[in-house]
Protein backbone atom coordinates (compact mmCIF):
# COMPACT_ATOMS: atom_id res chain seq x y z
CA MET A 1 21.65 -15.69 -12.57
CA ASP A 2 22.52 -16.58 -16.31
CA GLN A 3 21.35 -14.38 -18.91
CA MET A 4 18.21 -16.55 -19.91
CA GLN A 5 17.13 -16.42 -16.20
CA GLU A 6 17.52 -12.55 -15.95
CA GLU A 7 15.51 -12.17 -19.26
CA GLN A 8 12.67 -14.18 -17.73
CA PHE A 9 13.07 -12.32 -14.63
CA THR A 10 12.90 -9.08 -16.36
CA LYS A 11 10.00 -10.19 -18.46
CA THR A 12 8.06 -11.27 -15.16
CA LEU A 13 8.69 -7.88 -13.56
CA LEU A 14 7.40 -6.13 -16.58
CA ALA A 15 4.31 -8.35 -16.63
CA LEU A 16 3.64 -7.65 -12.98
CA MET A 17 3.80 -3.77 -13.67
CA ASP A 18 1.26 -4.33 -16.36
CA LYS A 19 -1.08 -6.37 -14.05
CA ALA A 20 -0.61 -3.69 -11.42
CA LYS A 21 -1.74 -0.88 -13.77
CA GLN A 22 -4.73 -2.73 -14.76
CA LYS A 23 -5.51 -2.88 -10.75
CA LYS A 24 -5.02 0.79 -9.94
CA ASN A 25 -1.19 0.09 -9.27
CA ILE A 26 -2.06 -2.34 -6.58
CA LEU A 27 -0.45 -5.73 -6.35
CA GLU A 28 -0.94 -8.38 -3.36
CA TYR A 29 2.06 -10.45 -2.23
CA SER A 30 0.63 -13.78 -3.51
CA GLU A 31 0.60 -12.29 -6.98
CA ILE A 32 4.26 -11.47 -6.82
CA ASN A 33 5.02 -14.84 -5.65
CA ASP A 34 2.87 -16.67 -8.09
CA ALA A 35 4.47 -14.63 -10.88
CA PHE A 36 7.99 -15.70 -9.62
CA ALA A 37 6.93 -19.22 -9.07
CA GLY A 38 9.53 -21.65 -10.33
CA MET A 39 12.32 -19.14 -9.84
CA GLU A 40 14.69 -19.16 -6.81
CA LEU A 41 14.08 -15.87 -5.00
CA ASP A 42 16.21 -15.01 -2.12
CA GLU A 43 15.70 -12.31 0.12
CA GLU A 44 17.87 -9.95 -1.78
CA LYS A 45 16.01 -10.54 -5.09
CA MET A 46 12.71 -10.15 -3.42
CA ASP A 47 13.87 -6.79 -1.97
CA LEU A 48 14.83 -5.71 -5.46
CA ILE A 49 11.27 -6.69 -6.87
CA LEU A 50 9.52 -4.65 -3.98
CA GLU A 51 11.85 -1.59 -4.36
CA PHE A 52 11.47 -1.52 -8.08
CA LEU A 53 7.61 -1.81 -7.79
CA GLU A 54 7.61 0.74 -5.17
CA LYS A 55 9.66 3.22 -7.27
CA HIS A 56 7.01 2.76 -9.97
CA ASN A 57 4.24 3.82 -7.47
CA ILE A 58 2.98 0.31 -7.12
CA ASP A 59 1.43 -0.47 -3.70
CA ILE A 60 1.99 -3.99 -2.10
CA MET A 61 -1.02 -5.40 -0.20
CA GLN A 62 -1.07 -8.38 1.92
CA ASN A 63 -4.79 -9.72 2.60
CA GLY A 64 -6.17 -6.22 1.42
CA VAL A 65 -4.09 -4.36 3.70
CA LYS A 66 -1.44 -2.03 2.50
CA GLU A 67 2.16 -2.68 3.73
CA ASN A 68 3.25 0.67 4.72
CA GLY A 69 2.89 0.78 8.48
CA GLY A 70 -0.90 0.66 8.60
CA GLU A 71 -1.59 4.14 7.08
CA ASP A 72 -4.16 2.74 4.66
CA LEU A 73 -5.76 -0.13 6.85
CA LEU A 74 -9.05 -1.53 5.64
CA ILE A 75 -11.53 -1.29 8.51
CA ASP A 76 -14.56 -3.75 8.71
CA ASN A 77 -16.39 -1.93 11.48
CA ASP A 78 -18.13 1.23 10.44
CA ASP A 79 -19.11 2.18 14.17
CA ASP A 80 -15.24 2.48 14.81
CA VAL A 81 -14.84 5.10 11.99
CA LEU A 82 -17.78 7.11 13.29
CA LEU A 83 -16.54 7.17 16.71
CA VAL A 84 -13.19 8.57 15.28
CA GLU A 85 -15.05 11.09 12.83
CA GLU A 86 -17.20 12.28 16.02
CA GLU A 87 -14.25 12.61 18.19
CA GLU A 88 -12.38 14.79 15.46
CA VAL A 89 -15.53 16.88 14.81
CA GLU A 90 -15.65 17.60 18.65
CA LEU A 91 -12.03 18.59 18.63
CA ILE A 92 -12.43 20.82 15.67
CA ASP A 93 -15.81 22.36 17.06
CA GLU A 94 -13.83 23.22 20.40
CA GLU A 95 -10.89 24.90 18.47
CA MET A 96 -13.23 26.82 16.60
CA CYS A 97 -15.10 27.99 19.25
CA ARG A 98 -11.74 29.23 21.15
CA CYS A 99 -10.97 31.03 17.92
CA LEU A 100 -14.16 33.14 17.81
CA PRO A 101 -13.84 36.74 18.85
CA GLN A 102 -16.59 36.56 21.66
CA ASN A 103 -14.67 33.46 23.18
CA ARG A 104 -11.20 34.89 23.40
CA LYS A 105 -10.00 36.40 26.80
């Protein structure tokens, strides 16, 4: 990369950071690709971009889903969420009952 390309790369990266700040530190892959359109990005450069954004606490999403092993997946079906919450409540209730003095053996 020559000096002019490096300057454009840096300006684009800083512009992406500003955009992320306006969006609660979240960017989509498509926004990153659009920002660097016209520049040749090999895998190494893309990794550098993603690492830089991650170090600055910017989350990268793909189609509304955070790319971090599925920890913050968006769920469309509220019934699934309720079922999970009910199961957790039951487990917590059972554990609390075992801890009560009258239920100890």
